[in-house]
Structure formats: C-alpha cells, structure tokens
C-alpha cells in the first residue's frame, strides 16, 4: 500500500517469500514488529534508509523492496533522494519544526556523480520558499543539497541555519574583518552584514535545482 512515486513497495510480499514473520524481520533489523507492519501497510513510508536496512535480511537489493519488478516502467538503476518537509526560505527565514521525509526523487547515479562528488546518502532535497534568491531560485523550486559541505568555499548557494531560520543564501567571509555576509540574489533584499561566522551553521551546498516550466 505504501507508494513512492506512485509504485507499491514489495516488503510484505518478499518477507513472506523468504519465510520470515514480521517479528523475526524486526528482530534481525533491530526494530519492532509494529514498525514492520506500518511499513508494509503504508502507515509509514518505506524510505531508502529503511529499504537498505531491511534488504540484507531478505537477501534482496533495496530497490527490489521499493519497486514492482514486474512493471515495465520499474526503475532498474535509480538513486532515491529524500525530500524533506522543511522549506528553505529564500525570503526572511523559516523556523525548523520538523524534518520528516514527505516524498522522494529518483535520479540516475551517473547524473548525480556529474553534479556532485558527495556520497549519494549525503544528499537531500528541500523546497525553496520565497523570492529573495530570484532569479537563481524561484518560489517552490526543489534544490538538491550536498550535506558534506560544511564550510563556505567558492561562490555558490548554501543552505544555512541562522537566527533560528533555514535559508538559501550566498555566504562570504570578509577576510579583513573576519565577519560573514549573507547575501540574496534579489536586490530587493539587503544583505545581512557583520555576522559572526560561528553563528552560521552550513547545512550544505545547493548543487542542483528543479523548477516548474
């Protein structure tokens, strides 16, 4: 019943084929049978992390749990990236309240390797909220974030946590004053100058964006 990109997961069917009860699979995966039941009936999304955690105990690959292999359109070689329900404000900032996975995006591994050298399990997708990074980023764009980047380096757009807000911004450090400047691409939004770099938490660097036409 659980769907990712409109396709049913195969957890319950595969578990039964290998002769494991929900309790036995839960014991092997160091969880409880209630979680296994929820994953099978759609009460909880079967994320990539859960699939990778359970697959070794079922003698299958993670993608075998996520997709119906009997369907002609079933992806054979895709990397699933979690989309989080925390919006990165491109306006004045948005307070983080939850970071639950709400959906997933499918990418070809070769494509991900072209846009970033980061391990694929260190990538997340976040929706942009606001217009302060226009025209680089638009409201409701989805960005792919490389979470291995924790320091400001070359020019680029970073997801930063500052003053209890999560923002998509450009960040640079004044080498003379040793203070950071948080900048928007939209000139209607003035920069935030004179920021102690220690007060800025770099969540990651934006390496790709998806927009509506």
Foldseek 3Di string as FASTA:
>chain_A
DAAAVRFAFCLVVLCVVVPHDLQRLCVVLVHGSVVVVCCRVVVDPCDLVNLCSRCVVSVHHSLNGHHDPVDPPRDDAWDKAFEFPAAAELPDFDADDDGDGDHIDIDHPVVVVVLDVADRVQKHKHFYDYDQQPPVDDHRKIFIFRQVDWDQDDWAWFFKQAPNGTHTFTKDADPVVRAMWTHHNRPVDDIDTRHNPVRITTRGTTRDIDDDD
